[in-house]
């Protein structure tokens, strides 16, 4: 009944969809947190 392995494309698609949903909800519900995360990313990138 269960398949052995899901396809790599399906894993990437679901991961991207989940990341997109989490990103949108985070921006909507916690903009201060997103600003802090963005600033941290810029700091880690050396800008």
Protein backbone atom coordinates (compact mmCIF):
# COMPACT_ATOMS: atom_id res chain seq x y z
CA UNK A 1 0.00 0.00 0.00
CA UNK A 2 2.77 2.43 0.89
CA UNK A 3 5.40 3.33 -1.66
CA UNK A 4 9.04 2.71 -0.83
CA UNK A 5 10.30 6.25 -1.43
CA UNK A 6 8.66 9.51 -2.40
CA UNK A 7 10.22 11.22 -5.39
CA UNK A 8 12.95 13.78 -4.78
CA UNK A 9 10.96 16.39 -6.71
CA UNK A 10 7.97 15.88 -4.45
CA UNK A 11 10.14 16.24 -1.33
CA UNK A 12 11.63 19.48 -2.66
CA UNK A 13 8.18 20.77 -3.66
CA UNK A 14 6.64 20.04 -0.26
CA UNK A 15 9.63 21.51 1.55
CA UNK A 16 9.44 24.68 -0.53
CA UNK A 17 5.66 24.96 -0.03
CA UNK A 18 6.02 24.49 3.74
CA UNK A 19 8.83 27.07 3.90
CA UNK A 20 6.74 29.55 1.89
CA UNK A 21 3.71 29.10 4.16
CA UNK A 22 5.83 29.48 7.31
CA UNK A 23 7.48 32.59 5.86
CA UNK A 24 4.15 34.22 4.98
CA UNK A 25 2.59 33.44 8.35
CA UNK A 26 5.69 34.65 10.15
CA UNK A 27 5.64 37.94 8.27
CA UNK A 28 1.95 38.38 9.02
CA UNK A 29 1.96 37.39 12.69
CA UNK A 30 5.45 38.40 13.83
CA UNK A 31 6.97 41.25 11.78
CA UNK A 32 9.33 42.23 14.61
CA UNK A 33 10.73 38.72 14.67
CA UNK A 34 11.19 38.79 10.89
CA UNK A 35 13.07 42.10 11.11
CA UNK A 36 15.36 40.59 13.74
CA UNK A 37 15.95 37.46 11.63
CA UNK A 38 16.63 39.55 8.52
CA UNK A 39 19.11 41.72 10.40
CA UNK A 40 20.82 38.60 11.74
CA UNK A 41 21.08 37.16 8.23
CA UNK A 42 22.60 40.39 6.92
CA UNK A 43 25.04 40.40 9.85
CA UNK A 44 26.05 36.79 9.14
CA UNK A 45 26.55 37.58 5.46
CA UNK A 46 28.93 40.38 6.42
CA UNK A 47 26.94 43.36 5.16
